[in-house]
Amino acid sequence: MTDRAVPRHFGPRLTSDTRSAAPAVGNERETLTAALDWHRATFELKCAGVPSDRLSDRAVPPSALSLHGLVRHLAGVERWWFRIQFAGEDLPLLYYSDEDPDQDFDFVDGDADEDFAVWRAECERSRQITAAAESLDATGIRLRTGEPVSLRSIMVDMIAEYARHNGHADLLRERIDGSTGA
């Protein structure tokens, strides 16, 4: 115990917060896995309770971002990094083509519930791939360069990806219905 004062006021929590805290002590794999799952759960929490007809709101003009677009984007990112580049699965890209690279954000008139189901399935497959990997040093191939990329690097990049988009989701959610909190 120290004599250091502890703040009494912390950021508010959303009332429906069911996330598990990442372990304060753990090995690298446990820590990265828990941090990534915490960010996935944070994104889902930011979207929880938003009526389906509001998930596609582009609520922070002039940005084209919406919660629906973000879930489509994150599903595609999960597939790209874990399944295609790391595991080498031969799959089509989600919500992307060279002719129309912004399908994830631009075409949000579809069923948001279906897109959330796709995202959850991609997250689950990513978890399976991560759990099956021999170590964080295991590598896939970064398709843009043909160079190896480690699972460790992918997980760190994915944590950063979710952290960035969770910030976007914070702003969108607050504009949609006034909800704030971590």
Protein backbone atom coordinates (compact mmCIF):
# COMPACT_ATOMS: atom_id res chain seq x y z
CA MET A 1 0.00 0.00 0.00
CA THR A 2 1.22 3.50 -0.72
CA ASP A 3 0.30 6.93 0.55
CA ARG A 4 -0.60 7.99 -2.99
CA ALA A 5 -4.11 9.41 -3.35
CA VAL A 6 -6.45 7.31 -5.46
CA PRO A 7 -8.89 9.18 -7.68
CA ARG A 8 -12.50 8.81 -6.58
CA HIS A 9 -14.01 9.59 -9.98
CA PHE A 10 -13.44 7.28 -12.91
CA GLY A 11 -15.01 7.29 -16.36
CA PRO A 12 -18.62 6.13 -16.38
CA ARG A 13 -19.49 2.59 -17.41
CA LEU A 14 -22.37 1.73 -19.68
CA THR A 15 -25.11 0.14 -17.59
CA SER A 16 -25.12 -3.03 -19.71
CA ASP A 17 -21.35 -3.62 -19.32
CA THR A 18 -20.69 -7.35 -19.05
CA ARG A 19 -17.09 -7.35 -20.24
CA SER A 20 -14.48 -9.34 -18.39
CA ALA A 21 -11.45 -7.34 -17.36
CA ALA A 22 -8.19 -8.34 -18.98
CA PRO A 23 -5.85 -10.04 -16.51
CA ALA A 24 -3.48 -7.68 -14.72
CA VAL A 25 -0.90 -10.47 -14.67
CA GLY A 26 -0.47 -13.12 -17.34
CA ASN A 27 1.79 -14.35 -20.06
CA GLU A 28 1.98 -12.58 -23.39
CA ARG A 29 -0.51 -14.81 -25.18
CA GLU A 30 -3.09 -14.55 -22.39
CA THR A 31 -2.65 -10.80 -22.22
CA LEU A 32 -2.95 -10.18 -25.98
CA THR A 33 -5.88 -12.56 -26.35
CA ALA A 34 -7.74 -10.98 -23.43
CA ALA A 35 -7.02 -7.45 -24.64
CA LEU A 36 -8.31 -8.23 -28.13
CA ASP A 37 -11.43 -9.93 -26.76
CA TRP A 38 -12.02 -6.94 -24.46
CA HIS A 39 -11.93 -4.61 -27.45
CA ARG A 40 -14.27 -6.88 -29.42
CA ALA A 41 -16.67 -6.88 -26.46
CA THR A 42 -16.34 -3.10 -26.16
CA PHE A 43 -17.38 -2.67 -29.78
CA GLU A 44 -20.38 -4.96 -29.29
CA LEU A 45 -21.32 -3.05 -26.14
CA LYS A 46 -21.16 0.27 -28.01
CA CYS A 47 -23.68 -1.12 -30.51
CA ALA A 48 -25.96 -2.88 -27.99
CA GLY A 49 -29.42 -1.42 -27.67
CA VAL A 50 -29.23 0.74 -30.78
CA PRO A 51 -32.38 0.15 -32.84
CA SER A 52 -31.62 -1.65 -36.11
CA ASP A 53 -32.87 1.30 -38.13
CA ARG A 54 -30.31 3.59 -36.42
CA LEU A 55 -27.20 1.39 -36.79
CA SER A 56 -26.64 2.73 -40.30
CA ASP A 57 -26.87 6.38 -39.22
CA ARG A 58 -23.92 8.42 -40.40
CA ALA A 59 -24.16 10.47 -37.25
CA VAL A 60 -20.86 12.39 -37.34
CA PRO A 61 -20.87 14.36 -40.61
CA PRO A 62 -19.06 14.73 -42.87
CA SER A 63 -17.76 11.24 -42.03
CA ALA A 64 -19.42 8.29 -43.78
CA LEU A 65 -18.86 6.10 -40.71
CA SER A 66 -21.76 4.28 -39.09
CA LEU A 67 -21.93 1.50 -36.52
CA HIS A 68 -23.24 -0.81 -39.25
CA GLY A 69 -20.34 0.12 -41.52
CA LEU A 70 -17.87 -0.43 -38.70
CA VAL A 71 -19.16 -3.94 -37.99
CA ARG A 72 -18.86 -4.80 -41.69
CA HIS A 73 -15.34 -3.36 -41.74
CA LEU A 74 -14.26 -5.24 -38.61
CA ALA A 75 -15.64 -8.52 -39.97
CA GLY A 76 -13.57 -8.01 -43.10
CA VAL A 77 -10.46 -7.13 -41.10
CA GLU A 78 -10.83 -10.25 -38.91
CA ARG A 79 -11.11 -12.43 -42.01
CA TRP A 80 -8.23 -10.70 -43.80
CA TRP A 81 -5.69 -10.94 -40.99
CA PHE A 82 -6.50 -14.21 -39.27
CA ARG A 83 -8.02 -16.41 -41.94
CA ILE A 84 -6.50 -15.21 -45.20
CA GLN A 85 -3.05 -13.91 -44.26
CA PHE A 86 -2.23 -15.92 -41.14
CA ALA A 87 -4.03 -19.24 -41.71
CA GLY A 88 -3.76 -19.10 -45.51
CA GLU A 89 -7.44 -19.92 -46.06
CA ASP A 90 -8.58 -19.37 -49.65
CA LEU A 91 -11.63 -17.17 -49.10
CA PRO A 92 -13.23 -14.19 -50.80
CA LEU A 93 -12.81 -10.82 -49.14
CA LEU A 94 -15.83 -9.46 -47.30
CA TYR A 95 -17.29 -6.13 -48.39
CA TYR A 96 -14.33 -5.26 -50.64
CA SER A 97 -13.29 -5.32 -54.27
CA ASP A 98 -10.55 -3.41 -56.08
CA GLU A 99 -13.27 -1.70 -58.10
CA ASP A 100 -15.19 -0.71 -54.97
CA PRO A 101 -12.91 -0.79 -51.92
CA ASP A 102 -15.31 0.98 -49.52
CA GLN A 103 -18.26 -1.42 -49.69
CA ASP A 104 -18.04 -1.97 -45.95
CA PHE A 105 -18.90 1.66 -45.22
CA ASP A 106 -20.84 2.62 -48.34
CA PHE A 107 -23.43 -0.16 -48.58
CA VAL A 108 -25.15 -0.26 -45.21
CA ASP A 109 -28.70 -0.66 -46.45
CA GLY A 110 -28.59 -4.42 -45.83
CA ASP A 111 -29.57 -6.34 -42.70
CA ALA A 112 -27.44 -5.16 -39.78
CA ASP A 113 -28.32 -8.25 -37.73
CA GLU A 114 -26.93 -10.48 -40.49
CA ASP A 115 -23.77 -8.39 -40.65
CA PHE A 116 -23.32 -8.66 -36.88
CA ALA A 117 -23.72 -12.44 -37.18
CA VAL A 118 -20.98 -12.49 -39.85
CA TRP A 119 -18.72 -10.40 -37.60
CA ARG A 120 -19.32 -12.69 -34.60
CA ALA A 121 -18.56 -15.75 -36.74
CA GLU A 122 -15.34 -14.16 -38.03
CA CYS A 123 -14.30 -13.29 -34.46
CA GLU A 124 -14.95 -16.87 -33.36
CA ARG A 125 -12.91 -18.27 -36.25
CA SER A 126 -10.10 -15.84 -35.38
CA ARG A 127 -10.17 -17.11 -31.78
CA GLN A 128 -9.95 -20.72 -33.01
CA ILE A 129 -6.99 -19.90 -35.26
CA THR A 130 -5.23 -18.08 -32.43
CA ALA A 131 -5.82 -20.92 -29.96
CA ALA A 132 -4.55 -23.53 -32.45
CA ALA A 133 -1.35 -21.64 -33.26
CA GLU A 134 1.77 -23.20 -31.75
CA SER A 135 3.04 -19.84 -30.52
CA LEU A 136 2.83 -16.12 -31.10
CA ASP A 137 5.95 -16.52 -33.24
CA ALA A 138 4.00 -18.61 -35.80
CA THR A 139 3.79 -16.79 -39.10
CA GLY A 140 1.51 -16.26 -42.03
CA ILE A 141 2.27 -14.32 -45.19
CA ARG A 142 1.60 -10.60 -45.52
CA LEU A 143 0.06 -10.72 -48.97
CA ARG A 144 0.94 -7.15 -49.91
CA THR A 145 4.68 -7.82 -49.55
CA GLY A 146 5.02 -11.62 -49.52
CA GLU A 147 6.93 -11.35 -46.23
CA PRO A 148 6.15 -13.33 -43.07
CA VAL A 149 3.98 -11.78 -40.38
CA SER A 150 3.77 -13.21 -36.87
CA LEU A 151 0.60 -13.92 -34.95
CA ARG A 152 1.96 -11.56 -32.27
CA SER A 153 2.15 -8.70 -34.78
CA ILE A 154 -1.34 -9.45 -36.10
CA MET A 155 -2.80 -9.44 -32.60
CA VAL A 156 -1.14 -6.14 -31.72
CA ASP A 157 -2.37 -4.62 -35.00
CA MET A 158 -5.89 -5.90 -34.34
CA ILE A 159 -5.92 -4.42 -30.83
CA ALA A 160 -4.96 -1.06 -32.37
CA GLU A 161 -7.62 -1.48 -35.09
CA TYR A 162 -10.35 -2.10 -32.53
CA ALA A 163 -9.14 0.69 -30.24
CA ARG A 164 -9.31 3.18 -33.10
CA HIS A 165 -12.77 2.06 -34.19
CA ASN A 166 -14.07 1.88 -30.62
CA GLY A 167 -13.30 5.59 -30.44
CA HIS A 168 -15.36 6.10 -33.59
CA ALA A 169 -18.15 3.99 -32.09
CA ASP A 170 -18.08 6.19 -28.95
CA LEU A 171 -18.77 9.29 -31.01
CA LEU A 172 -21.39 7.63 -33.19
CA ARG A 173 -23.27 6.19 -30.21
CA GLU A 174 -23.29 9.48 -28.37
CA ARG A 175 -24.71 11.23 -31.44
CA ILE A 176 -27.33 8.52 -32.00
CA ASP A 177 -28.82 8.35 -28.51
CA GLY A 178 -26.61 10.24 -26.07
CA SER A 179 -25.09 7.13 -24.49
CA THR A 180 -21.60 7.59 -23.13
CA GLY A 181 -19.24 5.50 -21.07
CA ALA A 182 -16.57 2.90 -21.46
